[in-house]
Each structure stands twice: as structure tokens, then as C-alpha cells.
């Protein structure tokens, strides 16, 4: 009996990955908006049977980007984990080359890993309890965790500024775009949403649109980051591939 081992190489096309996640991103946002519309205007499905109404209710819950433990939160966590893994892959290669900025790649990997955990457990919203005595400034800090969020963005920007400067121009643009979209959605739209909720409440369709765009920008940022990292890997280590070993028996 002879063992036959075949090794195949798996390579990734960064543009196809971008299109794949981009289509998923648009589909989830459209489904979320449709669900929020139905939530605000239940008369559109009130004539359905009890089972039909339950199905619609489950649809609304599963695709609500502002809810937890559903399809959209799973998608968000998956994007962050994939980004984290890609950062660690680049870090591994940088350590092999004794690159000056290898530690920063590791730190970014852990940052994305934390973001994935935060998406799963909504840690950031718990920070609001620590700042509940602070003024809301006309609603702009209705969700007070954004104060810590803004400070975190400043700290991250300062900590990684020199790292960002050493990148090629194309990666400077891509990384800045990815980070800007993610933190713009997570913090920027949260400020706007808080102001709207303070003035008009959160039980209206426009607030749902704001929260959908908030999450949409975060999806777009993570998707752009995945594309950027795959593009970076192709540029930095074109020989790098994932090996898949198939072991079979040959008579």
C-alpha cells in the first residue's frame, strides 16, 4: 500500500474578495432597512397569519444591524476576525524578515481581535455607565461611550502615525480609507444618531436609517481593510500561498 500525498496551493484574488464582501455588505444593509421599515410600519404585514407574522418578526430581528446575536452581528464579527488573522499573517512574515515595524503589525492584529470581541459582546456600550454623570452637550454625547471612542481614535492615530508614514502611498490611502470608514461609522454616526435620538427619539424610521448607515460604514471599513491586507500580502510576499495537503492511499 502506497500513500499518495498531493499539495495544492490556494491563492486569493484581492479584487474578487472585495467584490464578494461588497455584495454581502449591500445585501445585508438592504435587508436590514427592509426589516426596519416593516418594524415601523407593521400594518404592511398585519394581515398575515400568526405564523407569517412570526416569520416576519424573525426576519426583522435577524437582519437588524443594531441588534446582537443575529446574522448581522455574526457577519461583523467574521469580518473583524478575518482582518485580525491577516494582520497576524503579515506580522509573521515581518518577524521572519526582522522588519522594523513588525510589532505594530502584531498590535494591529490584536486591535482587530478586540474589535471582533467588542462586536460580539458590545463592550463599548458598557463604558457609558462610567460617564453617566457627564453632560450630553445637546445630545451629541447621548451615548457617552463615544467620548472614550474619540479618545481611542486619537490614541490609535498617534500610536500608529509613524507606522502609517512608512507605508507606500497606495497603502497609506487604503489603510486611511479603511480606518476612516470604520471609525467614522462607529463614532461619527453614533454622535449623529445620539443627537437625533435626543431630539426626536429612537422609535422612528430615520433613526433606523442612521444606525444602518453607521454599521454599513463599519462593514465597508473592514471590507476595505481585508482587501488592503490581501493586496499588501500580494505585493510584499508574492510567493506566499496557503498550502493544502491531500493525503490519499494508492494501491
Protein backbone atom coordinates (compact mmCIF):
# COMPACT_ATOMS: atom_id res chain seq x y z
CA UNK A 1 0.00 0.00 0.00
CA UNK A 2 1.49 3.31 -1.03
CA UNK A 3 0.49 6.73 0.33
CA UNK A 4 -0.07 9.43 -2.25
CA UNK A 5 0.35 13.00 -0.99
CA UNK A 6 -0.72 15.90 -3.17
CA UNK A 7 -0.08 19.51 -2.23
CA UNK A 8 -2.09 22.25 -3.86
CA UNK A 9 -1.67 25.98 -3.39
CA UNK A 10 -4.57 28.27 -2.53
CA UNK A 11 -4.14 31.88 -3.60
CA UNK A 12 -6.51 34.80 -3.09
CA UNK A 13 -7.59 37.40 -5.60
CA UNK A 14 -7.97 40.58 -3.54
CA UNK A 15 -10.34 42.18 -6.06
CA UNK A 16 -12.68 39.18 -6.11
CA UNK A 17 -12.66 39.10 -2.30
CA UNK A 18 -13.59 42.80 -2.29
CA UNK A 19 -16.48 42.18 -4.68
CA UNK A 20 -17.69 39.17 -2.67
CA UNK A 21 -17.79 41.01 0.65
CA UNK A 22 -19.09 44.14 -1.03
CA UNK A 23 -22.11 42.27 -2.39
CA UNK A 24 -22.75 40.74 1.05
CA UNK A 25 -22.42 44.20 2.60
CA UNK A 26 -25.02 45.73 0.28
CA UNK A 27 -27.38 42.76 0.69
CA UNK A 28 -27.27 42.93 4.49
CA UNK A 29 -27.86 46.69 4.53
CA UNK A 30 -30.84 46.35 2.18
CA UNK A 31 -32.32 43.52 4.24
CA UNK A 32 -31.81 45.50 7.43
CA UNK A 33 -33.53 48.57 6.00
CA UNK A 34 -36.41 46.42 4.76
CA UNK A 35 -36.75 44.87 8.20
CA UNK A 36 -36.68 48.25 9.95
CA UNK A 37 -39.34 49.56 7.58
CA UNK A 38 -41.56 46.61 8.46
CA UNK A 39 -40.88 47.16 12.17
CA UNK A 40 -42.01 50.79 11.92
CA UNK A 41 -45.00 50.06 9.72
CA UNK A 42 -46.40 46.70 10.91
CA UNK A 43 -49.68 47.31 9.05
CA UNK A 44 -47.91 46.04 5.92
CA UNK A 45 -47.86 42.51 7.29
CA UNK A 46 -50.60 42.65 9.91
CA UNK A 47 -52.98 40.71 7.66
CA UNK A 48 -50.69 37.67 7.60
CA UNK A 49 -51.38 34.56 9.64
CA UNK A 50 -49.82 34.21 13.08
CA UNK A 51 -47.09 32.04 11.58
CA UNK A 52 -46.45 34.57 8.83
CA UNK A 53 -46.15 37.37 11.36
CA UNK A 54 -43.69 35.27 13.37
CA UNK A 55 -41.59 34.72 10.22
CA UNK A 56 -41.55 38.46 9.50
CA UNK A 57 -40.64 39.17 13.13
CA UNK A 58 -37.73 36.74 12.97
CA UNK A 59 -36.59 38.29 9.68
CA UNK A 60 -36.60 41.75 11.28
CA UNK A 61 -34.60 40.51 14.27
CA UNK A 62 -32.02 38.52 12.31
CA UNK A 63 -31.16 41.34 9.90
CA UNK A 64 -31.32 44.26 12.31
CA UNK A 65 -27.79 45.71 12.25
CA UNK A 66 -28.48 47.45 15.55
CA UNK A 67 -29.21 44.18 17.40
CA UNK A 68 -26.97 41.48 18.84
CA UNK A 69 -26.76 37.70 18.48
CA UNK A 70 -28.13 37.66 14.93
CA UNK A 71 -26.94 37.22 11.33
CA UNK A 72 -25.60 40.77 11.01
CA UNK A 73 -23.55 40.60 14.21
CA UNK A 74 -22.09 37.26 13.06
CA UNK A 75 -21.10 38.89 9.76
CA UNK A 76 -19.49 41.85 11.52
CA UNK A 77 -17.53 39.62 13.91
CA UNK A 78 -16.38 37.45 10.98
CA UNK A 79 -15.02 40.47 9.09
CA UNK A 80 -13.08 41.67 12.14
CA UNK A 81 -11.64 38.20 12.84
CA UNK A 82 -10.56 37.79 9.21
CA UNK A 83 -8.88 41.21 9.31
CA UNK A 84 -7.12 40.23 12.54
CA UNK A 85 -5.85 36.97 11.06
CA UNK A 86 -4.48 38.77 8.01
CA UNK A 87 -2.64 41.26 10.23
CA UNK A 88 -1.08 38.33 12.11
CA UNK A 89 -0.05 36.69 8.82
CA UNK A 90 1.71 39.89 7.74
CA UNK A 91 3.27 40.16 11.21
CA UNK A 92 4.62 36.59 10.90
CA UNK A 93 6.31 37.48 7.62
CA UNK A 94 7.63 40.75 9.06
CA UNK A 95 9.18 38.93 12.02
CA UNK A 96 10.82 36.49 9.63
CA UNK A 97 12.37 39.48 7.83
CA UNK A 98 13.17 41.29 11.13
CA UNK A 99 11.20 44.29 9.87
CA UNK A 100 11.42 47.47 11.93
CA UNK A 101 7.63 47.76 12.25
CA UNK A 102 6.84 44.10 12.94
CA UNK A 103 5.48 44.86 16.43
CA UNK A 104 2.98 47.36 15.01
CA UNK A 105 1.55 44.67 12.73
CA UNK A 106 1.05 42.43 15.77
CA UNK A 107 -0.59 45.26 17.71
CA UNK A 108 -2.98 45.95 14.83
CA UNK A 109 -3.86 42.26 14.76
CA UNK A 110 -4.77 42.41 18.46
CA UNK A 111 -6.70 45.64 17.89
CA UNK A 112 -8.88 43.94 15.27
CA UNK A 113 -9.22 40.91 17.53
CA UNK A 114 -10.53 43.20 20.28
CA UNK A 115 -12.94 44.81 17.79
CA UNK A 116 -14.30 41.35 16.95
CA UNK A 117 -14.85 40.63 20.66
CA UNK A 118 -16.47 44.03 21.13
CA UNK A 119 -18.82 43.36 18.21
CA UNK A 120 -19.82 40.06 19.80
CA UNK A 121 -20.31 41.34 23.36
CA UNK A 122 -20.91 45.11 22.84
CA UNK A 123 -18.27 46.04 25.41
CA UNK A 124 -18.11 49.68 24.30
CA UNK A 125 -21.70 50.45 25.30
CA UNK A 126 -20.93 49.42 28.87
CA UNK A 127 -18.49 52.36 29.10
CA UNK A 128 -21.46 54.75 29.12
CA UNK A 129 -22.17 53.75 32.73
CA UNK A 130 -18.82 55.16 33.83
CA UNK A 131 -19.60 58.55 32.29
CA UNK A 132 -23.30 58.86 33.10
CA UNK A 133 -22.71 62.00 35.20
CA UNK A 134 -21.28 63.95 32.26
CA UNK A 135 -23.30 66.46 30.27
CA UNK A 136 -24.76 65.29 26.95
CA UNK A 137 -23.98 68.63 25.21
CA UNK A 138 -27.31 68.91 23.47
CA UNK A 139 -27.47 65.25 22.61
CA UNK A 140 -24.13 64.90 20.86
CA UNK A 141 -22.98 62.67 23.70
CA UNK A 142 -26.31 60.99 24.28
CA UNK A 143 -24.35 57.73 24.01
CA UNK A 144 -21.49 58.65 26.28
CA UNK A 145 -19.19 55.82 25.27
CA UNK A 146 -18.31 57.89 22.19
CA UNK A 147 -16.20 60.13 24.45
CA UNK A 148 -13.94 57.16 25.14
CA UNK A 149 -14.27 56.20 21.47
CA UNK A 150 -12.99 59.60 20.33
CA UNK A 151 -10.07 59.39 22.76
CA UNK A 152 -9.29 55.88 21.48
CA UNK A 153 -9.24 57.12 17.87
CA UNK A 154 -6.78 59.89 18.82
CA UNK A 155 -4.54 57.46 20.74
CA UNK A 156 -4.56 54.94 17.87
CA UNK A 157 -3.82 57.70 15.36
CA UNK A 158 -0.84 58.98 17.35
CA UNK A 159 0.47 55.48 18.17
CA UNK A 160 0.48 54.31 14.57
CA UNK A 161 1.28 57.58 12.77
CA UNK A 162 4.95 56.77 12.11
CA UNK A 163 3.97 53.23 11.06
CA UNK A 164 1.46 54.71 8.60
CA UNK A 165 4.07 57.11 7.22
CA UNK A 166 6.43 54.27 6.28
CA UNK A 167 3.83 52.59 4.04
CA UNK A 168 3.80 53.05 0.27
CA UNK A 169 1.41 55.74 -0.91
CA UNK A 170 -1.20 53.30 -2.19
CA UNK A 171 -1.32 51.53 1.17
CA UNK A 172 -1.35 54.83 3.03
CA UNK A 173 -4.53 55.69 1.14
CA UNK A 174 -6.13 52.26 1.55
CA UNK A 175 -5.39 51.95 5.29
CA UNK A 176 -6.53 55.52 5.93
CA UNK A 177 -9.72 54.91 3.94
CA UNK A 178 -10.45 51.67 5.80
CA UNK A 179 -9.81 53.19 9.23
CA UNK A 180 -11.71 56.37 8.37
CA UNK A 181 -14.80 54.47 7.25
CA UNK A 182 -14.76 52.13 10.25
CA UNK A 183 -14.24 54.75 12.95
CA UNK A 184 -16.37 57.27 11.06
CA UNK A 185 -19.23 54.79 11.25
CA UNK A 186 -18.56 53.57 14.79
CA UNK A 187 -18.02 57.00 16.36
CA UNK A 188 -19.11 59.64 13.84
CA UNK A 189 -22.54 58.22 13.04
CA UNK A 190 -23.04 57.36 16.72
CA UNK A 191 -22.68 61.08 17.51
CA UNK A 192 -25.24 61.95 14.83
CA UNK A 193 -27.56 59.15 15.93
CA UNK A 194 -27.31 60.27 19.54
CA UNK A 195 -28.19 63.83 18.58
CA UNK A 196 -31.21 62.63 16.61
CA UNK A 197 -32.36 60.32 19.42
CA UNK A 198 -32.02 63.18 21.92
CA UNK A 199 -34.16 65.49 19.76
CA UNK A 200 -36.67 63.14 18.13
CA UNK A 201 -36.35 59.80 19.92
CA UNK A 202 -35.14 56.47 18.57
CA UNK A 203 -38.53 54.96 17.71
CA UNK A 204 -38.65 56.27 14.14
CA UNK A 205 -37.54 55.10 10.73
CA UNK A 206 -34.93 57.83 10.18
CA UNK A 207 -33.09 56.75 13.33
CA UNK A 208 -33.07 53.20 11.95
CA UNK A 209 -31.59 54.53 8.70
CA UNK A 210 -28.84 56.30 10.68
CA UNK A 211 -27.94 53.16 12.62
CA UNK A 212 -27.95 51.12 9.41
CA UNK A 213 -25.52 53.54 7.75
CA UNK A 214 -23.44 53.54 10.94
CA UNK A 215 -23.00 49.79 10.70
CA UNK A 216 -22.66 49.97 6.93
CA UNK A 217 -19.62 52.23 7.20
CA UNK A 218 -18.07 49.80 9.67
CA UNK A 219 -18.67 46.93 7.24
CA UNK A 220 -17.16 48.99 4.44
CA UNK A 221 -14.11 49.82 6.56
CA UNK A 222 -13.47 46.19 7.49
CA UNK A 223 -14.05 45.04 3.91
CA UNK A 224 -11.58 47.64 2.63
CA UNK A 225 -9.10 46.54 5.29
CA UNK A 226 -9.36 42.90 4.18
CA UNK A 227 -8.82 43.95 0.57
CA UNK A 228 -5.87 46.17 1.57
CA UNK A 229 -4.19 43.38 3.55
CA UNK A 230 -4.60 40.83 0.76
CA UNK A 231 -3.24 43.39 -1.70
CA UNK A 232 -0.35 44.12 0.69
CA UNK A 233 0.44 40.41 1.03
CA UNK A 234 0.48 40.01 -2.74
CA UNK A 235 2.84 43.00 -3.04
CA UNK A 236 5.11 42.20 -0.09
CA UNK A 237 5.28 38.42 -0.42
CA UNK A 238 4.04 37.36 -3.87
CA UNK A 239 5.37 33.84 -3.21
CA UNK A 240 3.16 33.44 -0.15
CA UNK A 241 0.36 30.90 -0.57
CA UNK A 242 -1.71 28.67 1.68
CA UNK A 243 -0.76 25.01 1.22
CA UNK A 244 -3.49 22.38 1.26
CA UNK A 245 -2.22 18.84 1.70
CA UNK A 246 -4.37 15.99 0.45
CA UNK A 247 -3.33 12.56 1.66
CA UNK A 248 -4.77 9.54 -0.01
CA UNK A 249 -3.94 5.86 -0.33
CA UNK A 250 -2.71 4.36 -3.51
CA UNK A 251 -2.71 0.63 -4.05
